[in-house]
Amino acid sequence: MKTCVSCGISKRLGEFYYRRDSGKYRNKCKDCLALQDKNKYLNDTNFRERKIRQARNFNKLNKERVRDVKLLYRIKNPVRARGWVKRYYEENKDKIMARNAIYEKNNQNKVIARRKVKYEKKKGRLTPLPCKECGNLVVQAHHENYQKPLEVTWLCARCHYVYEKKKRLKKNRSQG
């Protein structure tokens, strides 16, 4: 047990940050330090700007890691993520439409394959099966070859993400 010098409450050692440089625990608990940082962020513009620069720099240097964390969060929290997506779409509709037009022009095979799958599902000629990896019933169609649009593997969002990530890592290793 250790007493926080800021709030005066005795807490377990796990409630304090450990400093490797000195080999000791901080004098203020994690809650008090978080509150202190929050107040400093709100009141000190230099501190806030420095934190924003650090975050942008981290995001720039770790694009794949940040993308993966965000995607997993959206998969685990679909309701909250849908609200953000909807709000972003309303605020940036023109930009999104222009970006989608460019994507469709550059990825015609993918777009055509996805549309064919959607059409065949709607007509009842293509029935989704449970996820090939985990058996989840909410699935997506995965194309190995966009030239054969109706040859799909059914994967849930999480398994589809993991599969694509492994494929991307394998591709990066073979190039590097």
N, C-alpha and C. Protein backbone atom coordinates (compact mmCIF):
# COMPACT_ATOMS: atom_id res chain seq x y z
N MET A 1 0.84 -1.18 0.00
CA MET A 1 0.00 0.00 0.00
C MET A 1 0.89 1.25 0.00
N LYS A 2 0.39 2.25 -0.73
CA LYS A 2 1.11 3.50 -0.83
C LYS A 2 0.09 4.63 -0.81
N THR A 3 0.44 5.74 -0.22
CA THR A 3 -0.48 6.88 -0.13
C THR A 3 -0.13 7.91 -1.19
N CYS A 4 -1.12 8.33 -1.94
CA CYS A 4 -0.95 9.34 -2.98
C CYS A 4 -0.76 10.70 -2.31
N VAL A 5 0.26 11.46 -2.75
CA VAL A 5 0.51 12.77 -2.15
C VAL A 5 -0.50 13.81 -2.62
N SER A 6 -1.21 13.52 -3.71
CA SER A 6 -2.18 14.48 -4.24
C SER A 6 -3.56 14.32 -3.59
N CYS A 7 -4.09 13.10 -3.59
CA CYS A 7 -5.44 12.89 -3.06
C CYS A 7 -5.43 12.37 -1.62
N GLY A 8 -4.28 11.87 -1.14
CA GLY A 8 -4.17 11.39 0.23
C GLY A 8 -4.78 10.03 0.50
N ILE A 9 -5.17 9.30 -0.54
CA ILE A 9 -5.80 7.99 -0.38
C ILE A 9 -4.74 6.90 -0.47
N SER A 10 -4.81 5.91 0.40
CA SER A 10 -3.91 4.75 0.34
C SER A 10 -4.42 3.79 -0.72
N LYS A 11 -3.54 3.42 -1.64
CA LYS A 11 -3.92 2.54 -2.74
C LYS A 11 -2.87 1.46 -2.93
N ARG A 12 -3.27 0.40 -3.69
CA ARG A 12 -2.33 -0.67 -4.03
C ARG A 12 -1.23 -0.11 -4.93
N LEU A 13 -0.07 -0.78 -4.97
CA LEU A 13 1.04 -0.31 -5.80
C LEU A 13 0.68 -0.30 -7.28
N GLY A 14 -0.24 -1.18 -7.67
CA GLY A 14 -0.67 -1.23 -9.07
C GLY A 14 -1.38 0.04 -9.52
N GLU A 15 -1.79 0.87 -8.56
CA GLU A 15 -2.47 2.13 -8.87
C GLU A 15 -1.47 3.28 -9.09
N PHE A 16 -0.17 2.97 -9.01
CA PHE A 16 0.88 3.97 -9.21
C PHE A 16 1.76 3.53 -10.39
N TYR A 17 2.25 4.50 -11.14
CA TYR A 17 3.18 4.19 -12.23
C TYR A 17 4.55 3.89 -11.65
N TYR A 18 5.24 2.90 -12.25
CA TYR A 18 6.58 2.52 -11.82
C TYR A 18 7.58 3.24 -12.71
N ARG A 19 8.59 3.82 -12.11
CA ARG A 19 9.63 4.52 -12.88
C ARG A 19 10.85 3.62 -12.99
N ARG A 20 11.15 3.21 -14.20
CA ARG A 20 12.30 2.33 -14.40
C ARG A 20 13.62 3.05 -14.15
N ASP A 21 13.66 4.35 -14.45
CA ASP A 21 14.91 5.09 -14.30
C ASP A 21 15.37 5.16 -12.84
N SER A 22 14.41 5.32 -11.91
CA SER A 22 14.77 5.41 -10.49
C SER A 22 14.50 4.10 -9.74
N GLY A 23 13.70 3.22 -10.35
CA GLY A 23 13.36 1.96 -9.70
C GLY A 23 12.33 2.13 -8.59
N LYS A 24 11.58 3.23 -8.65
CA LYS A 24 10.59 3.51 -7.61
C LYS A 24 9.24 3.80 -8.26
N TYR A 25 8.20 3.80 -7.41
CA TYR A 25 6.87 4.16 -7.87
C TYR A 25 6.67 5.66 -7.74
N ARG A 26 5.83 6.23 -8.63
CA ARG A 26 5.52 7.67 -8.58
C ARG A 26 4.81 7.99 -7.27
N ASN A 27 4.87 9.25 -6.84
CA ASN A 27 4.21 9.68 -5.60
C ASN A 27 2.72 9.93 -5.79
N LYS A 28 2.31 10.25 -7.04
CA LYS A 28 0.89 10.48 -7.33
C LYS A 28 0.32 9.24 -8.00
N CYS A 29 -0.93 8.91 -7.67
CA CYS A 29 -1.59 7.74 -8.26
C CYS A 29 -1.94 8.02 -9.73
N LYS A 30 -2.29 6.96 -10.45
CA LYS A 30 -2.62 7.07 -11.87
C LYS A 30 -3.80 8.00 -12.10
N ASP A 31 -4.81 7.92 -11.23
CA ASP A 31 -6.00 8.77 -11.38
C ASP A 31 -5.64 10.24 -11.26
N CYS A 32 -4.82 10.58 -10.25
CA CYS A 32 -4.44 11.99 -10.05
C CYS A 32 -3.57 12.50 -11.20
N LEU A 33 -2.67 11.65 -11.69
CA LEU A 33 -1.83 12.05 -12.83
C LEU A 33 -2.67 12.27 -14.08
N ALA A 34 -3.68 11.41 -14.28
CA ALA A 34 -4.56 11.56 -15.44
C ALA A 34 -5.34 12.87 -15.35
N LEU A 35 -5.84 13.18 -14.16
CA LEU A 35 -6.57 14.43 -13.95
C LEU A 35 -5.66 15.64 -14.15
N GLN A 36 -4.43 15.52 -13.67
CA GLN A 36 -3.44 16.59 -13.83
C GLN A 36 -3.15 16.83 -15.31
N ASP A 37 -2.93 15.75 -16.06
CA ASP A 37 -2.66 15.87 -17.50
C ASP A 37 -3.86 16.44 -18.25
N LYS A 38 -5.05 16.03 -17.86
CA LYS A 38 -6.26 16.53 -18.51
C LYS A 38 -6.38 18.04 -18.30
N ASN A 39 -6.18 18.49 -17.07
CA ASN A 39 -6.26 19.92 -16.78
C ASN A 39 -5.17 20.69 -17.53
N LYS A 40 -3.98 20.13 -17.57
CA LYS A 40 -2.88 20.78 -18.28
C LYS A 40 -3.20 20.87 -19.78
N TYR A 41 -3.78 19.80 -20.33
CA TYR A 41 -4.14 19.76 -21.75
C TYR A 41 -5.19 20.83 -22.07
N LEU A 42 -6.17 20.98 -21.18
CA LEU A 42 -7.25 21.94 -21.42
C LEU A 42 -6.80 23.39 -21.23
N ASN A 43 -5.86 23.64 -20.31
CA ASN A 43 -5.50 25.01 -19.96
C ASN A 43 -4.21 25.52 -20.58
N ASP A 44 -3.30 24.64 -20.97
CA ASP A 44 -2.00 25.05 -21.50
C ASP A 44 -1.94 24.76 -23.00
N THR A 45 -2.01 25.81 -23.82
CA THR A 45 -2.05 25.62 -25.28
C THR A 45 -0.75 25.03 -25.81
N ASN A 46 0.40 25.40 -25.24
CA ASN A 46 1.68 24.83 -25.70
C ASN A 46 1.72 23.32 -25.46
N PHE A 47 1.27 22.92 -24.27
CA PHE A 47 1.23 21.49 -23.93
C PHE A 47 0.30 20.75 -24.89
N ARG A 48 -0.88 21.33 -25.13
CA ARG A 48 -1.87 20.71 -26.02
C ARG A 48 -1.30 20.57 -27.43
N GLU A 49 -0.68 21.63 -27.96
CA GLU A 49 -0.12 21.58 -29.30
C GLU A 49 0.99 20.55 -29.41
N ARG A 50 1.82 20.46 -28.35
CA ARG A 50 2.89 19.47 -28.35
C ARG A 50 2.32 18.04 -28.37
N LYS A 51 1.27 17.79 -27.57
CA LYS A 51 0.63 16.47 -27.53
C LYS A 51 0.01 16.13 -28.89
N ILE A 52 -0.62 17.10 -29.53
CA ILE A 52 -1.23 16.87 -30.85
C ILE A 52 -0.14 16.55 -31.87
N ARG A 53 0.97 17.29 -31.83
CA ARG A 53 2.09 17.02 -32.76
C ARG A 53 2.63 15.61 -32.53
N GLN A 54 2.79 15.23 -31.25
CA GLN A 54 3.30 13.89 -30.94
C GLN A 54 2.36 12.81 -31.48
N ALA A 55 1.05 13.02 -31.31
CA ALA A 55 0.07 12.03 -31.79
C ALA A 55 0.11 11.94 -33.31
N ARG A 56 0.18 13.07 -33.99
CA ARG A 56 0.24 13.05 -35.46
C ARG A 56 1.51 12.37 -35.94
N ASN A 57 2.62 12.65 -35.28
CA ASN A 57 3.88 12.03 -35.66
C ASN A 57 3.82 10.52 -35.45
N PHE A 58 3.27 10.09 -34.31
CA PHE A 58 3.12 8.66 -34.04
C PHE A 58 2.25 8.01 -35.12
N ASN A 59 1.11 8.65 -35.43
CA ASN A 59 0.21 8.10 -36.45
C ASN A 59 0.88 8.00 -37.80
N LYS A 60 1.70 8.99 -38.13
CA LYS A 60 2.40 8.98 -39.42
C LYS A 60 3.42 7.84 -39.48
N LEU A 61 4.13 7.61 -38.38
CA LEU A 61 5.16 6.57 -38.34
C LEU A 61 4.60 5.17 -38.18
N ASN A 62 3.35 5.05 -37.70
CA ASN A 62 2.75 3.74 -37.41
C ASN A 62 1.40 3.59 -38.11
N LYS A 63 1.35 3.91 -39.41
CA LYS A 63 0.08 3.92 -40.13
C LYS A 63 -0.65 2.58 -40.06
N GLU A 64 0.07 1.49 -40.34
CA GLU A 64 -0.58 0.17 -40.34
C GLU A 64 -1.08 -0.21 -38.95
N ARG A 65 -0.27 0.04 -37.94
CA ARG A 65 -0.66 -0.30 -36.57
C ARG A 65 -1.91 0.48 -36.15
N VAL A 66 -1.93 1.78 -36.46
CA VAL A 66 -3.07 2.62 -36.12
C VAL A 66 -4.31 2.15 -36.86
N ARG A 67 -4.16 1.84 -38.16
CA ARG A 67 -5.29 1.35 -38.96
C ARG A 67 -5.84 0.05 -38.38
N ASP A 68 -4.94 -0.86 -38.00
CA ASP A 68 -5.37 -2.15 -37.45
C ASP A 68 -6.12 -1.98 -36.13
N VAL A 69 -5.62 -1.11 -35.26
CA VAL A 69 -6.27 -0.87 -33.97
C VAL A 69 -7.66 -0.27 -34.19
N LYS A 70 -7.75 0.70 -35.10
CA LYS A 70 -9.05 1.33 -35.38
C LYS A 70 -10.04 0.33 -35.95
N LEU A 71 -9.57 -0.52 -36.87
CA LEU A 71 -10.45 -1.51 -37.48
C LEU A 71 -10.95 -2.51 -36.44
N LEU A 72 -10.07 -3.00 -35.60
CA LEU A 72 -10.50 -3.93 -34.56
C LEU A 72 -11.50 -3.27 -33.61
N TYR A 73 -11.29 -1.99 -33.31
CA TYR A 73 -12.23 -1.29 -32.43
C TYR A 73 -13.60 -1.22 -33.09
N ARG A 74 -13.62 -0.90 -34.40
CA ARG A 74 -14.90 -0.81 -35.11
C ARG A 74 -15.60 -2.16 -35.15
N ILE A 75 -14.84 -3.23 -35.27
CA ILE A 75 -15.43 -4.57 -35.28
C ILE A 75 -16.03 -4.90 -33.91
N LYS A 76 -15.32 -4.54 -32.84
CA LYS A 76 -15.79 -4.85 -31.49
C LYS A 76 -16.90 -3.91 -31.01
N ASN A 77 -16.98 -2.71 -31.57
CA ASN A 77 -17.95 -1.71 -31.13
C ASN A 77 -18.74 -1.17 -32.33
N PRO A 78 -19.52 -2.02 -33.00
CA PRO A 78 -20.16 -1.60 -34.25
C PRO A 78 -21.19 -0.47 -34.10
N VAL A 79 -21.92 -0.43 -33.01
CA VAL A 79 -22.96 0.60 -32.84
C VAL A 79 -22.32 1.97 -32.70
N ARG A 80 -21.33 2.08 -31.84
CA ARG A 80 -20.64 3.35 -31.66
C ARG A 80 -19.93 3.78 -32.94
N ALA A 81 -19.30 2.84 -33.61
CA ALA A 81 -18.58 3.15 -34.85
C ALA A 81 -19.54 3.63 -35.94
N ARG A 82 -20.72 3.01 -36.02
CA ARG A 82 -21.71 3.43 -37.02
C ARG A 82 -22.11 4.89 -36.84
N GLY A 83 -22.25 5.32 -35.60
CA GLY A 83 -22.58 6.71 -35.32
C GLY A 83 -21.51 7.66 -35.83
N TRP A 84 -20.25 7.30 -35.59
CA TRP A 84 -19.14 8.13 -36.06
C TRP A 84 -19.10 8.16 -37.59
N VAL A 85 -19.29 6.98 -38.19
CA VAL A 85 -19.25 6.89 -39.66
C VAL A 85 -20.36 7.74 -40.27
N LYS A 86 -21.54 7.65 -39.71
CA LYS A 86 -22.68 8.41 -40.22
C LYS A 86 -22.42 9.92 -40.12
N ARG A 87 -21.92 10.35 -38.98
CA ARG A 87 -21.63 11.77 -38.78
C ARG A 87 -20.54 12.24 -39.75
N TYR A 88 -19.48 11.43 -39.92
CA TYR A 88 -18.39 11.79 -40.83
C TYR A 88 -18.92 11.88 -42.27
N TYR A 89 -19.78 10.92 -42.64
CA TYR A 89 -20.33 10.90 -43.99
C TYR A 89 -21.13 12.18 -44.27
N GLU A 90 -21.96 12.57 -43.33
CA GLU A 90 -22.78 13.77 -43.51
C GLU A 90 -21.90 15.02 -43.67
N GLU A 91 -20.80 15.07 -42.92
CA GLU A 91 -19.93 16.24 -42.98
C GLU A 91 -19.02 16.26 -44.20
N ASN A 92 -18.77 15.09 -44.82
CA ASN A 92 -17.79 15.00 -45.91
C ASN A 92 -18.34 14.29 -47.14
N LYS A 93 -19.62 14.44 -47.40
CA LYS A 93 -20.29 13.69 -48.46
C LYS A 93 -19.63 13.89 -49.83
N ASP A 94 -19.36 15.14 -50.22
CA ASP A 94 -18.78 15.42 -51.53
C ASP A 94 -17.40 14.80 -51.69
N LYS A 95 -16.58 14.92 -50.65
CA LYS A 95 -15.23 14.36 -50.68
C LYS A 95 -15.29 12.84 -50.82
N ILE A 96 -16.20 12.20 -50.10
CA ILE A 96 -16.35 10.74 -50.14
C ILE A 96 -16.81 10.28 -51.51
N MET A 97 -17.78 11.00 -52.09
CA MET A 97 -18.28 10.63 -53.42
C MET A 97 -17.16 10.71 -54.46
N ALA A 98 -16.34 11.74 -54.39
CA ALA A 98 -15.23 11.90 -55.34
C ALA A 98 -14.21 10.78 -55.16
N ARG A 99 -13.91 10.45 -53.89
CA ARG A 99 -12.95 9.37 -53.61
C ARG A 99 -13.49 8.03 -54.09
N ASN A 100 -14.79 7.79 -53.89
CA ASN A 100 -15.39 6.53 -54.34
C ASN A 100 -15.36 6.41 -55.86
N ALA A 101 -15.59 7.52 -56.57
CA ALA A 101 -15.56 7.50 -58.04
C ALA A 101 -14.17 7.13 -58.52
N ILE A 102 -13.15 7.67 -57.88
CA ILE A 102 -11.77 7.34 -58.26
C ILE A 102 -11.49 5.87 -57.97
N TYR A 103 -11.93 5.38 -56.80
CA TYR A 103 -11.71 3.97 -56.44
C TYR A 103 -12.38 3.05 -57.47
N GLU A 104 -13.63 3.35 -57.82
CA GLU A 104 -14.35 2.50 -58.77
C GLU A 104 -13.67 2.49 -60.13
N LYS A 105 -13.13 3.61 -60.53
CA LYS A 105 -12.43 3.70 -61.82
C LYS A 105 -11.15 2.85 -61.79
N ASN A 106 -10.43 2.88 -60.67
CA ASN A 106 -9.16 2.17 -60.56
C ASN A 106 -9.29 0.70 -60.19
N ASN A 107 -10.46 0.28 -59.70
CA ASN A 107 -10.67 -1.11 -59.24
C ASN A 107 -11.94 -1.70 -59.84
N GLN A 108 -12.07 -1.63 -61.14
CA GLN A 108 -13.30 -2.07 -61.79
C GLN A 108 -13.59 -3.54 -61.56
N ASN A 109 -12.57 -4.39 -61.59
CA ASN A 109 -12.79 -5.83 -61.38
C ASN A 109 -13.38 -6.11 -60.00
N LYS A 110 -12.85 -5.45 -58.99
CA LYS A 110 -13.35 -5.65 -57.64
C LYS A 110 -14.81 -5.19 -57.52
N VAL A 111 -15.09 -4.02 -58.07
CA VAL A 111 -16.43 -3.44 -57.98
C VAL A 111 -17.44 -4.34 -58.69
N ILE A 112 -17.09 -4.80 -59.88
CA ILE A 112 -17.99 -5.67 -60.65
C ILE A 112 -18.23 -6.98 -59.90
N ALA A 113 -17.17 -7.57 -59.35
CA ALA A 113 -17.30 -8.83 -58.61
C ALA A 113 -18.21 -8.65 -57.39
N ARG A 114 -18.03 -7.58 -56.66
CA ARG A 114 -18.85 -7.35 -55.47
C ARG A 114 -20.32 -7.13 -55.86
N ARG A 115 -20.53 -6.41 -56.94
CA ARG A 115 -21.91 -6.16 -57.38
C ARG A 115 -22.58 -7.46 -57.83
N LYS A 116 -21.82 -8.32 -58.50
CA LYS A 116 -22.39 -9.60 -58.93
C LYS A 116 -22.78 -10.46 -57.73
N VAL A 117 -21.93 -10.50 -56.73
CA VAL A 117 -22.24 -11.27 -55.52
C VAL A 117 -23.50 -10.71 -54.86
N LYS A 118 -23.57 -9.39 -54.75
CA LYS A 118 -24.73 -8.75 -54.14
C LYS A 118 -26.02 -9.09 -54.92
N TYR A 119 -25.92 -9.03 -56.25
CA TYR A 119 -27.08 -9.32 -57.10
C TYR A 119 -27.51 -10.78 -56.95
N GLU A 120 -26.56 -11.70 -56.99
CA GLU A 120 -26.87 -13.13 -56.88
C GLU A 120 -27.45 -13.47 -55.50
N LYS A 121 -26.95 -12.81 -54.45
CA LYS A 121 -27.53 -13.01 -53.11
C LYS A 121 -28.97 -12.53 -53.08
N LYS A 122 -29.20 -11.38 -53.70
CA LYS A 122 -30.55 -10.80 -53.72
C LYS A 122 -31.53 -11.71 -54.46
N LYS A 123 -31.08 -12.32 -55.56
CA LYS A 123 -31.93 -13.21 -56.35
C LYS A 123 -32.07 -14.60 -55.73
N GLY A 124 -31.25 -14.89 -54.71
CA GLY A 124 -31.34 -16.17 -54.02
C GLY A 124 -30.53 -17.28 -54.67
N ARG A 125 -29.70 -16.94 -55.64
CA ARG A 125 -28.87 -17.94 -56.32
C ARG A 125 -27.52 -18.16 -55.63
N LEU A 126 -27.20 -17.31 -54.70
CA LEU A 126 -25.96 -17.43 -53.94
C LEU A 126 -26.32 -17.27 -52.47
N THR A 127 -26.10 -18.32 -51.70
CA THR A 127 -26.49 -18.31 -50.30
C THR A 127 -25.24 -18.24 -49.42
N PRO A 128 -25.17 -17.26 -48.53
CA PRO A 128 -24.03 -17.19 -47.61
C PRO A 128 -23.99 -18.40 -46.68
N LEU A 129 -22.80 -18.91 -46.46
CA LEU A 129 -22.58 -20.02 -45.53
C LEU A 129 -21.95 -19.46 -44.26
N PRO A 130 -21.93 -20.22 -43.18
CA PRO A 130 -21.25 -19.74 -41.98
C PRO A 130 -19.76 -19.50 -42.26
N CYS A 131 -19.15 -18.68 -41.43
CA CYS A 131 -17.73 -18.36 -41.59
C CYS A 131 -16.90 -19.64 -41.65
N LYS A 132 -16.02 -19.69 -42.63
CA LYS A 132 -15.17 -20.86 -42.85
C LYS A 132 -14.25 -21.12 -41.65
N GLU A 133 -13.84 -20.04 -40.95
CA GLU A 133 -12.88 -20.18 -39.85
C GLU A 133 -13.55 -20.42 -38.49
N CYS A 134 -14.60 -19.64 -38.18
CA CYS A 134 -15.14 -19.71 -36.81
C CYS A 134 -16.62 -20.11 -36.74
N GLY A 135 -17.31 -20.17 -37.89
CA GLY A 135 -18.70 -20.58 -37.88
C GLY A 135 -19.71 -19.47 -37.64
N ASN A 136 -19.26 -18.22 -37.52
CA ASN A 136 -20.15 -17.09 -37.32
C ASN A 136 -21.13 -17.00 -38.50
N LEU A 137 -22.38 -16.63 -38.23
CA LEU A 137 -23.39 -16.58 -39.28
C LEU A 137 -23.43 -15.24 -40.02
N VAL A 138 -22.87 -14.19 -39.43
CA VAL A 138 -22.81 -12.88 -40.09
C VAL A 138 -21.50 -12.83 -40.87
N VAL A 139 -21.60 -12.94 -42.21
CA VAL A 139 -20.41 -13.15 -43.03
C VAL A 139 -20.28 -12.14 -44.17
N GLN A 140 -19.07 -12.11 -44.73
CA GLN A 140 -18.75 -11.32 -45.91
C GLN A 140 -18.19 -12.27 -46.97
N ALA A 141 -18.34 -11.88 -48.24
CA ALA A 141 -17.80 -12.69 -49.32
C ALA A 141 -16.36 -12.26 -49.58
N HIS A 142 -15.44 -13.23 -49.54
CA HIS A 142 -14.03 -12.95 -49.83
C HIS A 142 -13.69 -13.53 -51.20
N HIS A 143 -13.12 -12.70 -52.06
CA HIS A 143 -12.71 -13.13 -53.40
C HIS A 143 -11.21 -13.39 -53.43
N GLU A 144 -10.82 -14.57 -53.82
CA GLU A 144 -9.39 -14.83 -54.07
C GLU A 144 -9.02 -14.31 -55.46
N ASN A 145 -9.98 -14.44 -56.39
CA ASN A 145 -9.74 -14.04 -57.79
C ASN A 145 -10.96 -13.26 -58.26
N TYR A 146 -10.77 -11.99 -58.57
CA TYR A 146 -11.89 -11.15 -58.99
C TYR A 146 -12.35 -11.47 -60.41
N GLN A 147 -11.57 -12.25 -61.14
CA GLN A 147 -11.99 -12.67 -62.48
C GLN A 147 -13.08 -13.74 -62.40
N LYS A 148 -13.18 -14.39 -61.25
CA LYS A 148 -14.22 -15.39 -61.00
C LYS A 148 -15.09 -14.87 -59.86
N PRO A 149 -16.00 -13.95 -60.16
CA PRO A 149 -16.71 -13.21 -59.11
C PRO A 149 -17.62 -14.04 -58.22
N LEU A 150 -18.08 -15.20 -58.66
CA LEU A 150 -19.00 -15.98 -57.83
C LEU A 150 -18.30 -17.09 -57.06
N GLU A 151 -16.99 -17.19 -57.20
CA GLU A 151 -16.20 -18.12 -56.39
C GLU A 151 -15.73 -17.36 -55.15
N VAL A 152 -16.48 -17.49 -54.07
CA VAL A 152 -16.17 -16.74 -52.86
C VAL A 152 -16.00 -17.66 -51.67
N THR A 153 -15.27 -17.19 -50.70
CA THR A 153 -15.13 -17.85 -49.41
C THR A 153 -15.86 -16.96 -48.42
N TRP A 154 -16.72 -17.56 -47.60
CA TRP A 154 -17.50 -16.79 -46.63
C TRP A 154 -16.74 -16.68 -45.33
N LEU A 155 -16.45 -15.43 -44.92
CA LEU A 155 -15.72 -15.15 -43.69
C LEU A 155 -16.44 -14.05 -42.90
N CYS A 156 -16.42 -14.15 -41.57
CA CYS A 156 -16.97 -13.06 -40.75
C CYS A 156 -15.99 -11.89 -40.82
N ALA A 157 -16.39 -10.73 -40.36
CA ALA A 157 -15.56 -9.52 -40.46
C ALA A 157 -14.21 -9.72 -39.78
N ARG A 158 -14.22 -10.32 -38.59
CA ARG A 158 -12.96 -10.50 -37.86
C ARG A 158 -12.03 -11.47 -38.59
N CYS A 159 -12.53 -12.59 -39.03
CA CYS A 159 -11.70 -13.58 -39.73
C CYS A 159 -11.23 -13.02 -41.08
N HIS A 160 -12.09 -12.25 -41.75
CA HIS A 160 -11.74 -11.63 -43.02
C HIS A 160 -10.58 -10.66 -42.80
N TYR A 161 -10.67 -9.88 -41.75
CA TYR A 161 -9.60 -8.94 -41.41
C TYR A 161 -8.29 -9.67 -41.15
N VAL A 162 -8.34 -10.72 -40.34
CA VAL A 162 -7.13 -11.48 -40.00
C VAL A 162 -6.54 -12.10 -41.26
N TYR A 163 -7.39 -12.66 -42.12
CA TYR A 163 -6.92 -13.28 -43.36
C TYR A 163 -6.21 -12.25 -44.25
N GLU A 164 -6.84 -11.09 -44.43
CA GLU A 164 -6.24 -10.04 -45.28
C GLU A 164 -4.94 -9.53 -44.68
N LYS A 165 -4.88 -9.40 -43.36
CA LYS A 165 -3.66 -8.93 -42.71
C LYS A 165 -2.52 -9.92 -42.93
N LYS A 166 -2.82 -11.22 -42.77
CA LYS A 166 -1.78 -12.24 -43.01
C LYS A 166 -1.31 -12.19 -44.46
N LYS A 167 -2.25 -12.02 -45.39
CA LYS A 167 -1.91 -11.94 -46.80
C LYS A 167 -1.02 -10.72 -47.07
N ARG A 168 -1.36 -9.58 -46.44
CA ARG A 168 -0.60 -8.35 -46.62
C ARG A 168 0.81 -8.50 -46.04
N LEU A 169 0.93 -9.13 -44.87
CA LEU A 169 2.24 -9.35 -44.26
C LEU A 169 3.11 -10.27 -45.11
N LYS A 170 2.49 -11.32 -45.64
CA LYS A 170 3.20 -12.26 -46.51
C LYS A 170 3.71 -11.55 -47.76
N LYS A 171 2.88 -10.68 -48.32
CA LYS A 171 3.26 -9.92 -49.52
C LYS A 171 4.41 -8.97 -49.20
N ASN A 172 4.36 -8.30 -48.05
CA ASN A 172 5.42 -7.38 -47.66
C ASN A 172 6.74 -8.10 -47.43
N ARG A 173 6.69 -9.30 -46.84
CA ARG A 173 7.91 -10.09 -46.60
C ARG A 173 8.55 -10.52 -47.91
N SER A 174 7.70 -10.90 -48.87
CA SER A 174 8.26 -11.38 -50.15
C SER A 174 8.86 -10.22 -50.95
N GLN A 175 8.35 -9.01 -50.76
CA GLN A 175 8.90 -7.85 -51.47
C GLN A 175 10.16 -7.34 -50.81
N GLY A 176 10.23 -7.43 -49.48
CA GLY A 176 11.33 -6.84 -48.71
C GLY A 176 12.42 -7.77 -48.46
